[in-house]
Amino acid sequence: MGETSVWISDNCVIEVRNLGAARDWYKKTFGLREASGEREEDSGRPFVDLRVSNDDTALTLVELEATSSAQSDM
């Protein structure tokens, strides 16, 4: 008991409109933690890596660009 039932089978990326709000929601809802370490996202956009534990694969949240979010609403 006390362990999360979330399991990330492979690294994945989710694009989000509000990185701070999404990070907080995933941490609270699924008990994920921010991964330690320094790395750059290939796109240059703001991002955060979340993990279940230090040894697990990462769920990466990447903030959408302003023009991308407007185009996806169409």
Protein backbone atom coordinates (compact mmCIF):
# COMPACT_ATOMS: atom_id res chain seq x y z
CA MET A 1 0.00 0.00 0.00
CA GLY A 2 1.02 3.59 -0.46
CA GLU A 3 2.52 2.89 -3.89
CA THR A 4 1.12 4.52 -6.98
CA SER A 5 -0.65 2.37 -9.55
CA VAL A 6 0.79 4.44 -12.42
CA TRP A 7 3.23 2.75 -14.73
CA ILE A 8 4.93 4.40 -17.71
CA SER A 9 5.92 1.68 -20.18
CA ASP A 10 7.92 3.90 -22.52
CA ASN A 11 9.09 7.50 -22.68
CA CYS A 12 6.32 9.70 -24.01
CA VAL A 13 5.65 13.37 -24.68
CA ILE A 14 2.46 15.32 -24.08
CA GLU A 15 2.10 18.84 -25.45
CA VAL A 16 0.29 21.17 -23.04
CA ARG A 17 -0.90 24.78 -23.14
CA ASN A 18 0.02 25.67 -19.56
CA LEU A 19 3.17 23.86 -18.43
CA GLY A 20 2.96 24.91 -14.77
CA ALA A 21 -0.68 23.88 -14.36
CA ALA A 22 -0.16 20.60 -16.23
CA ARG A 23 2.94 19.76 -14.16
CA ASP A 24 1.06 20.36 -10.92
CA TRP A 25 -1.95 18.32 -12.09
CA TYR A 26 0.13 15.30 -13.16
CA LYS A 27 2.12 15.40 -9.92
CA LYS A 28 -1.01 15.64 -7.76
CA THR A 29 -3.21 13.23 -9.75
CA PHE A 30 -0.65 10.50 -10.46
CA GLY A 31 1.96 11.07 -7.76
CA LEU A 32 4.71 11.76 -10.29
CA ARG A 33 7.94 13.55 -9.39
CA GLU A 34 10.10 15.90 -11.39
CA ALA A 35 13.13 14.11 -12.79
CA SER A 36 16.50 15.43 -11.72
CA GLY A 37 19.17 16.24 -14.24
CA GLU A 38 19.86 18.84 -16.82
CA ARG A 39 18.87 18.34 -20.44
CA GLU A 40 17.50 20.40 -23.31
CA GLU A 41 14.34 19.61 -25.23
CA ASP A 42 15.07 19.38 -28.97
CA SER A 43 12.41 21.96 -29.88
CA GLY A 44 13.77 24.57 -27.46
CA ARG A 45 10.33 24.90 -25.85
CA PRO A 46 9.83 24.82 -22.07
CA PHE A 47 9.37 21.29 -20.72
CA VAL A 48 9.46 19.13 -17.60
CA ASP A 49 10.25 15.42 -17.21
CA LEU A 50 8.08 13.56 -14.70
CA ARG A 51 8.73 10.08 -13.36
CA VAL A 52 7.18 7.56 -11.00
CA SER A 53 10.63 6.88 -9.48
CA ASN A 54 14.23 7.66 -10.36
CA ASP A 55 14.62 4.46 -12.40
CA ASP A 56 11.48 4.74 -14.50
CA THR A 57 10.98 6.11 -17.97
CA ALA A 58 9.79 9.69 -18.26
CA LEU A 59 6.56 11.42 -19.12
CA THR A 60 7.68 14.69 -20.70
CA LEU A 61 5.34 17.68 -20.75
CA VAL A 62 6.23 20.21 -23.46
CA GLU A 63 4.58 23.61 -23.67
CA LEU A 64 2.87 24.35 -26.97
CA GLU A 65 3.96 27.36 -28.95
CA ALA A 66 1.35 30.14 -29.13
CA THR A 67 0.78 29.58 -32.86
CA SER A 68 0.49 25.78 -32.41
CA SER A 69 -2.36 26.04 -29.91
CA ALA A 70 -4.32 28.37 -32.19
CA GLN A 71 -3.91 26.02 -35.15
CA SER A 72 -4.99 22.95 -33.17
CA ASP A 73 -8.27 24.64 -32.22
CA MET A 74 -9.36 24.73 -35.87
